[in-house]
Amino acid sequence: MRFHCVYNCRFLSTGASYAALADSFRLRISTIRYIIKEVCEAIWKTMASLHVPVPTTEMQLATSNKFYLKWNFPNCVGSIDGKHIWLKCPSNSGSMYYNYKHYYSIVLQGLADARYRFITIDVGAYGKQSDSGIFRHSSLYQLLSNNNFNMPHAKKLPLSDVELLFVILGDEAYPLLS
């Protein structure tokens, strides 16, 4: 297991290819691929609930307070956007990964708190997909649609009697939904 950590550390920290790792450790590429997948899944299963938990209502309220204190924006539980990550065109992919910025990419879409920390992420969408299309196919969208995201109930705005729902901020690429 000790060597499994070495393969993953090198792969995750440097981005070394499977072929380079296979040459370095004198293993087959299929073995390297299997080890990296297995260890990454173990890391995710062990750490995800601790570092990327499904937010509770209390967590959402705390995030909202931080948005108000730092950005003077009340009743906000997160900010969402997508980021294109450059990649070499995968073979036989056609134009699926070719984006409007004229390069090949996959998209990381994230919901972040007031301190720029991820609350949820969705990684791996094709570069040609729009932010709204990626959002509609994300687990975050499913949680929000099924009322399972633990969104707090409406709250009065500071220094006001006006009561408003909590929101997620996004640019014009995201749909206006309740």
N, C-alpha and C. Protein backbone atom coordinates (compact mmCIF):
# COMPACT_ATOMS: atom_id res chain seq x y z
N MET A 1 0.82 -1.20 0.00
CA MET A 1 0.00 0.00 0.00
C MET A 1 0.86 1.26 0.00
N ARG A 2 2.08 1.16 0.59
CA ARG A 2 2.96 2.32 0.65
C ARG A 2 3.27 2.82 -0.76
N PHE A 3 3.54 1.90 -1.69
CA PHE A 3 3.86 2.31 -3.06
C PHE A 3 2.64 2.89 -3.76
N HIS A 4 1.46 2.40 -3.40
CA HIS A 4 0.25 2.96 -4.00
C HIS A 4 0.17 4.45 -3.72
N CYS A 5 0.56 4.86 -2.51
CA CYS A 5 0.55 6.28 -2.17
C CYS A 5 1.58 7.05 -2.98
N VAL A 6 2.73 6.43 -3.25
CA VAL A 6 3.78 7.07 -4.05
C VAL A 6 3.26 7.34 -5.46
N TYR A 7 2.60 6.34 -6.09
CA TYR A 7 2.08 6.53 -7.43
C TYR A 7 1.08 7.67 -7.47
N ASN A 8 0.14 7.65 -6.50
CA ASN A 8 -0.90 8.67 -6.46
C ASN A 8 -0.35 10.04 -6.16
N CYS A 9 0.59 10.12 -5.22
CA CYS A 9 1.18 11.43 -4.90
C CYS A 9 1.84 12.03 -6.13
N ARG A 10 2.60 11.22 -6.84
CA ARG A 10 3.27 11.74 -8.03
C ARG A 10 2.26 12.11 -9.11
N PHE A 11 1.25 11.26 -9.29
CA PHE A 11 0.23 11.52 -10.30
C PHE A 11 -0.56 12.79 -9.96
N LEU A 12 -1.02 12.91 -8.71
CA LEU A 12 -1.87 14.04 -8.33
C LEU A 12 -1.09 15.34 -8.19
N SER A 13 0.17 15.27 -7.75
CA SER A 13 0.92 16.50 -7.52
C SER A 13 1.61 17.03 -8.77
N THR A 14 2.03 16.14 -9.67
CA THR A 14 2.78 16.60 -10.85
C THR A 14 2.00 16.49 -12.14
N GLY A 15 0.94 15.66 -12.13
CA GLY A 15 0.21 15.43 -13.36
C GLY A 15 0.95 14.50 -14.30
N ALA A 16 1.91 13.75 -13.76
CA ALA A 16 2.66 12.80 -14.59
C ALA A 16 1.69 11.84 -15.27
N SER A 17 1.98 11.49 -16.49
CA SER A 17 1.10 10.60 -17.25
C SER A 17 1.21 9.17 -16.73
N TYR A 18 0.22 8.36 -17.07
CA TYR A 18 0.26 6.95 -16.71
C TYR A 18 1.51 6.29 -17.31
N ALA A 19 1.83 6.67 -18.54
CA ALA A 19 3.00 6.09 -19.21
C ALA A 19 4.28 6.45 -18.47
N ALA A 20 4.42 7.68 -18.04
CA ALA A 20 5.62 8.10 -17.30
C ALA A 20 5.71 7.37 -15.97
N LEU A 21 4.58 7.22 -15.29
CA LEU A 21 4.59 6.48 -14.02
C LEU A 21 4.92 5.00 -14.25
N ALA A 22 4.37 4.44 -15.31
CA ALA A 22 4.65 3.04 -15.63
C ALA A 22 6.15 2.85 -15.87
N ASP A 23 6.76 3.77 -16.60
CA ASP A 23 8.21 3.68 -16.84
C ASP A 23 8.99 3.84 -15.54
N SER A 24 8.60 4.79 -14.70
CA SER A 24 9.32 5.07 -13.45
C SER A 24 9.28 3.88 -12.50
N PHE A 25 8.13 3.23 -12.42
CA PHE A 25 7.96 2.15 -11.44
C PHE A 25 8.00 0.75 -12.07
N ARG A 26 8.25 0.71 -13.37
CA ARG A 26 8.36 -0.56 -14.09
C ARG A 26 7.11 -1.42 -13.92
N LEU A 27 5.98 -0.77 -14.12
CA LEU A 27 4.68 -1.44 -14.08
C LEU A 27 3.96 -1.20 -15.39
N ARG A 28 2.94 -1.98 -15.65
CA ARG A 28 2.12 -1.77 -16.84
C ARG A 28 1.21 -0.58 -16.63
N ILE A 29 0.86 0.09 -17.71
CA ILE A 29 -0.04 1.24 -17.64
C ILE A 29 -1.38 0.83 -17.03
N SER A 30 -1.88 -0.34 -17.38
CA SER A 30 -3.16 -0.79 -16.83
C SER A 30 -3.10 -0.96 -15.32
N THR A 31 -1.95 -1.37 -14.79
CA THR A 31 -1.77 -1.50 -13.34
C THR A 31 -1.76 -0.13 -12.68
N ILE A 32 -1.02 0.80 -13.27
CA ILE A 32 -0.97 2.17 -12.74
C ILE A 32 -2.38 2.76 -12.73
N ARG A 33 -3.10 2.61 -13.82
CA ARG A 33 -4.46 3.14 -13.93
C ARG A 33 -5.35 2.57 -12.82
N TYR A 34 -5.27 1.26 -12.60
CA TYR A 34 -6.08 0.59 -11.58
C TYR A 34 -5.73 1.11 -10.18
N ILE A 35 -4.43 1.22 -9.89
CA ILE A 35 -3.99 1.66 -8.56
C ILE A 35 -4.45 3.09 -8.29
N ILE A 36 -4.27 3.98 -9.26
CA ILE A 36 -4.66 5.38 -9.07
C ILE A 36 -6.15 5.49 -8.86
N LYS A 37 -6.93 4.78 -9.65
CA LYS A 37 -8.38 4.81 -9.50
C LYS A 37 -8.80 4.29 -8.13
N GLU A 38 -8.22 3.18 -7.71
CA GLU A 38 -8.56 2.56 -6.43
C GLU A 38 -8.22 3.49 -5.25
N VAL A 39 -7.04 4.10 -5.27
CA VAL A 39 -6.62 4.96 -4.17
C VAL A 39 -7.43 6.26 -4.16
N CYS A 40 -7.70 6.84 -5.33
CA CYS A 40 -8.52 8.06 -5.37
C CYS A 40 -9.92 7.80 -4.84
N GLU A 41 -10.50 6.65 -5.18
CA GLU A 41 -11.82 6.31 -4.64
C GLU A 41 -11.77 6.15 -3.13
N ALA A 42 -10.71 5.54 -2.61
CA ALA A 42 -10.57 5.38 -1.16
C ALA A 42 -10.42 6.74 -0.47
N ILE A 43 -9.62 7.63 -1.07
CA ILE A 43 -9.47 8.98 -0.51
C ILE A 43 -10.81 9.68 -0.49
N TRP A 44 -11.56 9.60 -1.60
CA TRP A 44 -12.86 10.26 -1.68
C TRP A 44 -13.82 9.71 -0.62
N LYS A 45 -13.91 8.38 -0.52
CA LYS A 45 -14.83 7.77 0.46
C LYS A 45 -14.48 8.16 1.88
N THR A 46 -13.18 8.27 2.16
CA THR A 46 -12.72 8.59 3.51
C THR A 46 -12.87 10.07 3.84
N MET A 47 -12.56 10.93 2.89
CA MET A 47 -12.46 12.36 3.18
C MET A 47 -13.64 13.23 2.75
N ALA A 48 -14.46 12.76 1.83
CA ALA A 48 -15.52 13.61 1.28
C ALA A 48 -16.50 14.09 2.34
N SER A 49 -16.95 13.20 3.19
CA SER A 49 -17.94 13.61 4.19
C SER A 49 -17.36 14.63 5.17
N LEU A 50 -16.05 14.59 5.38
CA LEU A 50 -15.40 15.54 6.27
C LEU A 50 -15.15 16.89 5.61
N HIS A 51 -14.69 16.87 4.35
CA HIS A 51 -14.27 18.10 3.69
C HIS A 51 -15.28 18.68 2.71
N VAL A 52 -16.21 17.88 2.20
CA VAL A 52 -17.24 18.37 1.28
C VAL A 52 -18.59 17.74 1.68
N PRO A 53 -19.06 18.05 2.89
CA PRO A 53 -20.33 17.44 3.32
C PRO A 53 -21.52 18.12 2.65
N VAL A 54 -22.66 17.41 2.61
CA VAL A 54 -23.90 18.06 2.17
C VAL A 54 -24.22 19.11 3.23
N PRO A 55 -24.36 20.37 2.84
CA PRO A 55 -24.56 21.42 3.83
C PRO A 55 -25.85 21.24 4.63
N THR A 56 -25.75 21.51 5.93
CA THR A 56 -26.94 21.53 6.78
C THR A 56 -27.51 22.94 6.75
N THR A 57 -28.71 23.09 7.26
CA THR A 57 -29.32 24.42 7.33
C THR A 57 -28.45 25.36 8.15
N GLU A 58 -27.88 24.85 9.24
CA GLU A 58 -27.01 25.68 10.09
C GLU A 58 -25.76 26.14 9.33
N MET A 59 -25.20 25.24 8.52
CA MET A 59 -24.04 25.61 7.71
C MET A 59 -24.41 26.69 6.69
N GLN A 60 -25.59 26.54 6.10
CA GLN A 60 -26.06 27.53 5.12
C GLN A 60 -26.24 28.90 5.78
N LEU A 61 -26.81 28.91 6.98
CA LEU A 61 -26.99 30.18 7.69
C LEU A 61 -25.64 30.82 8.04
N ALA A 62 -24.68 30.00 8.45
CA ALA A 62 -23.34 30.52 8.75
C ALA A 62 -22.70 31.10 7.49
N THR A 63 -22.85 30.41 6.36
CA THR A 63 -22.31 30.91 5.08
C THR A 63 -22.99 32.23 4.71
N SER A 64 -24.30 32.29 4.92
CA SER A 64 -25.04 33.52 4.63
C SER A 64 -24.53 34.68 5.47
N ASN A 65 -24.27 34.43 6.74
CA ASN A 65 -23.73 35.49 7.61
C ASN A 65 -22.37 35.97 7.12
N LYS A 66 -21.53 35.04 6.66
CA LYS A 66 -20.21 35.41 6.15
C LYS A 66 -20.33 36.23 4.86
N PHE A 67 -21.29 35.86 3.98
CA PHE A 67 -21.51 36.67 2.77
C PHE A 67 -21.92 38.08 3.14
N TYR A 68 -22.75 38.21 4.15
CA TYR A 68 -23.21 39.54 4.54
C TYR A 68 -22.06 40.34 5.16
N LEU A 69 -21.30 39.72 6.06
CA LEU A 69 -20.21 40.44 6.72
C LEU A 69 -19.08 40.80 5.77
N LYS A 70 -18.72 39.89 4.87
CA LYS A 70 -17.59 40.14 3.97
C LYS A 70 -17.99 40.92 2.72
N TRP A 71 -19.14 40.60 2.13
CA TRP A 71 -19.51 41.17 0.84
C TRP A 71 -20.74 42.06 0.89
N ASN A 72 -21.31 42.23 2.08
CA ASN A 72 -22.51 43.07 2.25
C ASN A 72 -23.66 42.57 1.37
N PHE A 73 -23.78 41.26 1.25
CA PHE A 73 -24.84 40.65 0.45
C PHE A 73 -25.60 39.67 1.35
N PRO A 74 -26.79 40.05 1.79
CA PRO A 74 -27.54 39.18 2.71
C PRO A 74 -28.24 38.01 2.01
N ASN A 75 -28.59 37.01 2.79
CA ASN A 75 -29.38 35.85 2.34
C ASN A 75 -28.77 35.12 1.15
N CYS A 76 -27.45 35.02 1.12
CA CYS A 76 -26.75 34.31 0.05
C CYS A 76 -26.03 33.11 0.65
N VAL A 77 -26.25 31.93 0.06
CA VAL A 77 -25.63 30.71 0.58
C VAL A 77 -24.49 30.20 -0.30
N GLY A 78 -24.17 30.90 -1.38
CA GLY A 78 -23.07 30.47 -2.22
C GLY A 78 -23.03 31.21 -3.54
N SER A 79 -21.91 31.07 -4.20
CA SER A 79 -21.70 31.67 -5.52
C SER A 79 -21.24 30.56 -6.46
N ILE A 80 -21.84 30.49 -7.65
CA ILE A 80 -21.57 29.39 -8.57
C ILE A 80 -20.98 29.90 -9.89
N ASP A 81 -20.04 29.12 -10.43
CA ASP A 81 -19.51 29.42 -11.75
C ASP A 81 -18.77 28.20 -12.27
N GLY A 82 -18.43 28.24 -13.54
CA GLY A 82 -17.71 27.16 -14.18
C GLY A 82 -16.33 27.63 -14.61
N LYS A 83 -15.38 26.70 -14.67
CA LYS A 83 -14.02 26.99 -15.10
C LYS A 83 -13.57 25.95 -16.10
N HIS A 84 -13.16 26.39 -17.27
CA HIS A 84 -12.66 25.47 -18.29
C HIS A 84 -11.22 25.08 -17.95
N ILE A 85 -10.95 23.78 -18.00
CA ILE A 85 -9.62 23.26 -17.72
C ILE A 85 -9.06 22.71 -19.03
N TRP A 86 -7.94 23.30 -19.48
CA TRP A 86 -7.31 22.91 -20.75
C TRP A 86 -6.99 21.42 -20.73
N LEU A 87 -7.14 20.79 -21.87
CA LEU A 87 -6.68 19.42 -22.04
C LEU A 87 -6.34 19.16 -23.48
N LYS A 88 -5.55 18.12 -23.67
CA LYS A 88 -5.22 17.67 -25.02
C LYS A 88 -6.44 16.96 -25.57
N CYS A 89 -6.77 17.19 -26.81
CA CYS A 89 -7.98 16.62 -27.40
C CYS A 89 -7.97 15.09 -27.29
N PRO A 90 -8.95 14.53 -26.58
CA PRO A 90 -9.02 13.07 -26.49
C PRO A 90 -9.29 12.47 -27.86
N SER A 91 -8.70 11.31 -28.12
CA SER A 91 -8.89 10.69 -29.43
C SER A 91 -10.35 10.28 -29.64
N ASN A 92 -10.81 10.39 -30.84
CA ASN A 92 -12.18 10.03 -31.25
C ASN A 92 -13.26 10.79 -30.48
N SER A 93 -12.96 12.02 -30.04
CA SER A 93 -13.96 12.78 -29.28
C SER A 93 -14.69 13.81 -30.15
N GLY A 94 -14.23 13.98 -31.37
CA GLY A 94 -14.87 14.98 -32.23
C GLY A 94 -14.74 16.36 -31.61
N SER A 95 -15.86 17.09 -31.58
CA SER A 95 -15.83 18.45 -31.05
C SER A 95 -16.43 18.56 -29.64
N MET A 96 -16.65 17.41 -28.98
CA MET A 96 -17.30 17.43 -27.66
C MET A 96 -16.54 18.28 -26.64
N TYR A 97 -15.22 18.26 -26.70
CA TYR A 97 -14.42 18.98 -25.71
C TYR A 97 -13.99 20.37 -26.20
N TYR A 98 -14.34 20.72 -27.45
CA TYR A 98 -13.92 22.00 -28.01
C TYR A 98 -14.87 23.09 -27.55
N ASN A 99 -14.34 24.11 -26.87
CA ASN A 99 -15.21 25.13 -26.28
C ASN A 99 -15.25 26.43 -27.08
N TYR A 100 -16.06 27.35 -26.62
CA TYR A 100 -16.25 28.63 -27.31
C TYR A 100 -15.00 29.51 -27.24
N LYS A 101 -14.05 29.15 -26.38
CA LYS A 101 -12.81 29.90 -26.27
C LYS A 101 -11.75 29.38 -27.24
N HIS A 102 -12.15 28.40 -28.06
CA HIS A 102 -11.32 27.83 -29.12
C HIS A 102 -10.17 26.97 -28.61
N TYR A 103 -10.41 26.19 -27.57
CA TYR A 103 -9.47 25.16 -27.14
C TYR A 103 -10.25 24.00 -26.52
N TYR A 104 -9.59 22.88 -26.30
CA TYR A 104 -10.23 21.70 -25.74
C TYR A 104 -10.20 21.77 -24.21
N SER A 105 -11.31 21.41 -23.58
CA SER A 105 -11.38 21.51 -22.13
C SER A 105 -12.44 20.59 -21.54
N ILE A 106 -12.30 20.38 -20.24
CA ILE A 106 -13.40 19.85 -19.43
C ILE A 106 -13.76 20.99 -18.49
N VAL A 107 -14.94 20.90 -17.88
CA VAL A 107 -15.40 22.00 -17.04
C VAL A 107 -15.52 21.57 -15.59
N LEU A 108 -14.97 22.39 -14.71
CA LEU A 108 -15.19 22.27 -13.28
C LEU A 108 -16.21 23.33 -12.92
N GLN A 109 -17.33 22.91 -12.38
CA GLN A 109 -18.34 23.87 -11.92
C GLN A 109 -18.42 23.75 -10.41
N GLY A 110 -18.30 24.88 -9.74
CA GLY A 110 -18.28 24.84 -8.29
C GLY A 110 -19.18 25.88 -7.66
N LEU A 111 -19.69 25.52 -6.50
CA LEU A 111 -20.43 26.44 -5.63
C LEU A 111 -19.49 26.73 -4.48
N ALA A 112 -19.19 28.01 -4.26
CA ALA A 112 -18.22 28.40 -3.24
C ALA A 112 -18.87 29.27 -2.17
N ASP A 113 -18.26 29.25 -0.99
CA ASP A 113 -18.75 30.09 0.10
C ASP A 113 -18.10 31.48 0.02
N ALA A 114 -18.32 32.31 1.00
CA ALA A 114 -17.83 33.69 0.99
C ALA A 114 -16.31 33.77 1.06
N ARG A 115 -15.66 32.69 1.50
CA ARG A 115 -14.20 32.67 1.61
C ARG A 115 -13.57 31.87 0.47
N TYR A 116 -14.31 31.68 -0.64
CA TYR A 116 -13.83 31.01 -1.86
C TYR A 116 -13.60 29.51 -1.68
N ARG A 117 -14.17 28.89 -0.66
CA ARG A 117 -14.01 27.45 -0.45
C ARG A 117 -15.18 26.74 -1.10
N PHE A 118 -14.89 25.61 -1.74
CA PHE A 118 -15.94 24.85 -2.42
C PHE A 118 -16.93 24.26 -1.42
N ILE A 119 -18.21 24.39 -1.77
CA ILE A 119 -19.29 23.73 -1.05
C ILE A 119 -19.67 22.48 -1.82
N THR A 120 -19.83 22.61 -3.14
CA THR A 120 -20.05 21.47 -4.02
C THR A 120 -19.25 21.69 -5.30
N ILE A 121 -18.91 20.59 -5.96
CA ILE A 121 -18.23 20.68 -7.25
C ILE A 121 -18.81 19.64 -8.20
N ASP A 122 -18.68 19.92 -9.47
CA ASP A 122 -19.04 18.98 -10.52
C ASP A 122 -17.92 19.08 -11.56
N VAL A 123 -17.20 18.00 -11.77
CA VAL A 123 -16.04 18.04 -12.66
C VAL A 123 -16.21 17.04 -13.79
N GLY A 124 -15.83 17.44 -14.99
CA GLY A 124 -15.77 16.50 -16.09
C GLY A 124 -16.74 16.73 -17.23
N ALA A 125 -17.52 17.81 -17.17
CA ALA A 125 -18.44 18.08 -18.28
C ALA A 125 -17.63 18.46 -19.52
N TYR A 126 -18.20 18.17 -20.68
CA TYR A 126 -17.55 18.51 -21.95
C TYR A 126 -17.39 20.02 -22.07
N GLY A 127 -16.28 20.43 -22.67
CA GLY A 127 -16.00 21.85 -22.86
C GLY A 127 -17.05 22.58 -23.68
N LYS A 128 -17.76 21.86 -24.58
CA LYS A 128 -18.74 22.54 -25.42
C LYS A 128 -20.05 22.85 -24.69
N GLN A 129 -20.26 22.25 -23.50
CA GLN A 129 -21.50 22.47 -22.77
C GLN A 129 -21.52 23.85 -22.12
N SER A 130 -22.71 24.42 -22.01
CA SER A 130 -22.86 25.72 -21.36
C SER A 130 -22.95 25.54 -19.85
N ASP A 131 -22.71 26.63 -19.11
CA ASP A 131 -22.83 26.57 -17.65
C ASP A 131 -24.22 26.12 -17.23
N SER A 132 -25.26 26.63 -17.90
CA SER A 132 -26.62 26.25 -17.51
C SER A 132 -26.89 24.78 -17.82
N GLY A 133 -26.34 24.27 -18.90
CA GLY A 133 -26.52 22.86 -19.23
C GLY A 133 -25.81 21.95 -18.24
N ILE A 134 -24.61 22.34 -17.85
CA ILE A 134 -23.86 21.57 -16.85
C ILE A 134 -24.61 21.60 -15.53
N PHE A 135 -25.10 22.79 -15.16
CA PHE A 135 -25.85 22.93 -13.91
C PHE A 135 -27.08 22.03 -13.90
N ARG A 136 -27.81 22.01 -15.00
CA ARG A 136 -29.04 21.19 -15.07
C ARG A 136 -28.77 19.69 -14.92
N HIS A 137 -27.55 19.25 -15.20
CA HIS A 137 -27.21 17.84 -15.07
C HIS A 137 -26.39 17.54 -13.82
N SER A 138 -26.25 18.52 -12.94
CA SER A 138 -25.40 18.34 -11.75
C SER A 138 -26.19 17.79 -10.57
N SER A 139 -25.45 17.23 -9.62
CA SER A 139 -26.09 16.75 -8.39
C SER A 139 -26.62 17.92 -7.57
N LEU A 140 -25.98 19.09 -7.66
CA LEU A 140 -26.48 20.27 -6.95
C LEU A 140 -27.88 20.63 -7.44
N TYR A 141 -28.08 20.60 -8.76
CA TYR A 141 -29.40 20.90 -9.32
C TYR A 141 -30.44 19.91 -8.81
N GLN A 142 -30.07 18.63 -8.76
CA GLN A 142 -31.00 17.61 -8.26
C GLN A 142 -31.35 17.87 -6.80
N LEU A 143 -30.33 18.20 -5.99
CA LEU A 143 -30.59 18.50 -4.58
C LEU A 143 -31.52 19.70 -4.43
N LEU A 144 -31.27 20.74 -5.20
CA LEU A 144 -32.11 21.95 -5.12
C LEU A 144 -33.53 21.66 -5.61
N SER A 145 -33.65 20.93 -6.72
CA SER A 145 -34.97 20.63 -7.29
C SER A 145 -35.82 19.78 -6.35
N ASN A 146 -35.16 18.88 -5.62
CA ASN A 146 -35.89 17.99 -4.72
C ASN A 146 -35.97 18.52 -3.29
N ASN A 147 -35.59 19.78 -3.10
CA ASN A 147 -35.59 20.41 -1.77
C ASN A 147 -34.76 19.62 -0.76
N ASN A 148 -33.62 19.08 -1.19
CA ASN A 148 -32.75 18.31 -0.31
C ASN A 148 -31.42 19.03 -0.04
N PHE A 149 -31.33 20.30 -0.38
CA PHE A 149 -30.09 21.05 -0.18
C PHE A 149 -30.08 21.78 1.16
N ASN A 150 -31.12 21.59 1.95
CA ASN A 150 -31.24 22.20 3.28
C ASN A 150 -31.16 23.72 3.25
N MET A 151 -31.80 24.31 2.25
CA MET A 151 -31.85 25.76 2.11
C MET A 151 -32.67 26.33 3.28
N PRO A 152 -32.17 27.36 3.95
CA PRO A 152 -32.94 27.97 5.04
C PRO A 152 -34.23 28.62 4.51
N HIS A 153 -35.18 28.79 5.41
CA HIS A 153 -36.42 29.48 5.06
C HIS A 153 -36.14 30.97 4.90
N ALA A 154 -37.07 31.68 4.29
CA ALA A 154 -36.92 33.12 4.08
C ALA A 154 -36.60 33.82 5.40
N LYS A 155 -35.85 34.90 5.28
CA LYS A 155 -35.41 35.65 6.47
C LYS A 155 -35.47 37.13 6.15
N LYS A 156 -35.73 37.93 7.18
CA LYS A 156 -35.76 39.39 6.99
C LYS A 156 -34.37 39.89 6.65
N LEU A 157 -34.34 40.87 5.74
CA LEU A 157 -33.08 41.52 5.40
C LEU A 157 -32.62 42.35 6.60
N PRO A 158 -31.31 42.51 6.76
CA PRO A 158 -30.80 43.33 7.88
C PRO A 158 -31.34 44.76 7.80
N LEU A 159 -31.71 45.30 8.94
CA LEU A 159 -32.21 46.67 9.07
C LEU A 159 -33.46 46.91 8.23
N SER A 160 -34.30 45.87 8.09
CA SER A 160 -35.48 45.98 7.25
C SER A 160 -36.56 45.02 7.73
N ASP A 161 -37.80 45.26 7.29
CA ASP A 161 -38.89 44.34 7.57
C ASP A 161 -39.20 43.49 6.34
N VAL A 162 -38.42 43.63 5.29
CA VAL A 162 -38.62 42.88 4.06
C VAL A 162 -38.04 41.48 4.24
N GLU A 163 -38.87 40.47 3.97
CA GLU A 163 -38.43 39.09 4.10
C GLU A 163 -38.17 38.51 2.71
N LEU A 164 -36.98 37.95 2.50
CA LEU A 164 -36.61 37.39 1.20
C LEU A 164 -36.06 35.98 1.36
N LEU A 165 -36.18 35.19 0.28
CA LEU A 165 -35.63 33.85 0.24
C LEU A 165 -34.10 33.91 0.16
N PHE A 166 -33.45 32.82 0.47
CA PHE A 166 -32.01 32.72 0.31
C PHE A 166 -31.69 32.42 -1.15
N VAL A 167 -30.51 32.87 -1.60
CA VAL A 167 -30.16 32.77 -3.02
C VAL A 167 -28.77 32.17 -3.19
N ILE A 168 -28.53 31.71 -4.42
CA ILE A 168 -27.20 31.33 -4.89
C ILE A 168 -26.87 32.31 -6.02
N LEU A 169 -25.73 32.96 -5.92
CA LEU A 169 -25.33 33.94 -6.94
C LEU A 169 -24.65 33.24 -8.12
N GLY A 170 -24.99 33.70 -9.31
CA GLY A 170 -24.35 33.20 -10.52
C GLY A 170 -24.47 34.25 -11.60
N ASP A 171 -23.67 34.13 -12.64
CA ASP A 171 -23.75 35.10 -13.73
C ASP A 171 -24.94 34.79 -14.64
N GLU A 172 -25.03 35.51 -15.74
CA GLU A 172 -26.21 35.42 -16.62
C GLU A 172 -26.34 34.06 -17.31
N ALA A 173 -25.31 33.22 -17.23
CA ALA A 173 -25.39 31.89 -17.84
C ALA A 173 -26.28 30.95 -17.05
N TYR A 174 -26.57 31.28 -15.80
CA TYR A 174 -27.39 30.41 -14.95
C TYR A 174 -28.84 30.87 -14.98
N PRO A 175 -29.75 29.90 -14.97
CA PRO A 175 -31.18 30.25 -15.04
C PRO A 175 -31.68 30.83 -13.72
N LEU A 176 -32.69 31.68 -13.81
CA LEU A 176 -33.35 32.19 -12.62
C LEU A 176 -34.42 31.18 -12.22
N LEU A 177 -34.19 30.51 -11.10
CA LEU A 177 -35.11 29.49 -10.61
C LEU A 177 -35.46 29.78 -9.16
N SER A 178 -36.59 29.29 -8.72
CA SER A 178 -36.95 29.50 -7.31
C SER A 178 -36.26 28.47 -6.43
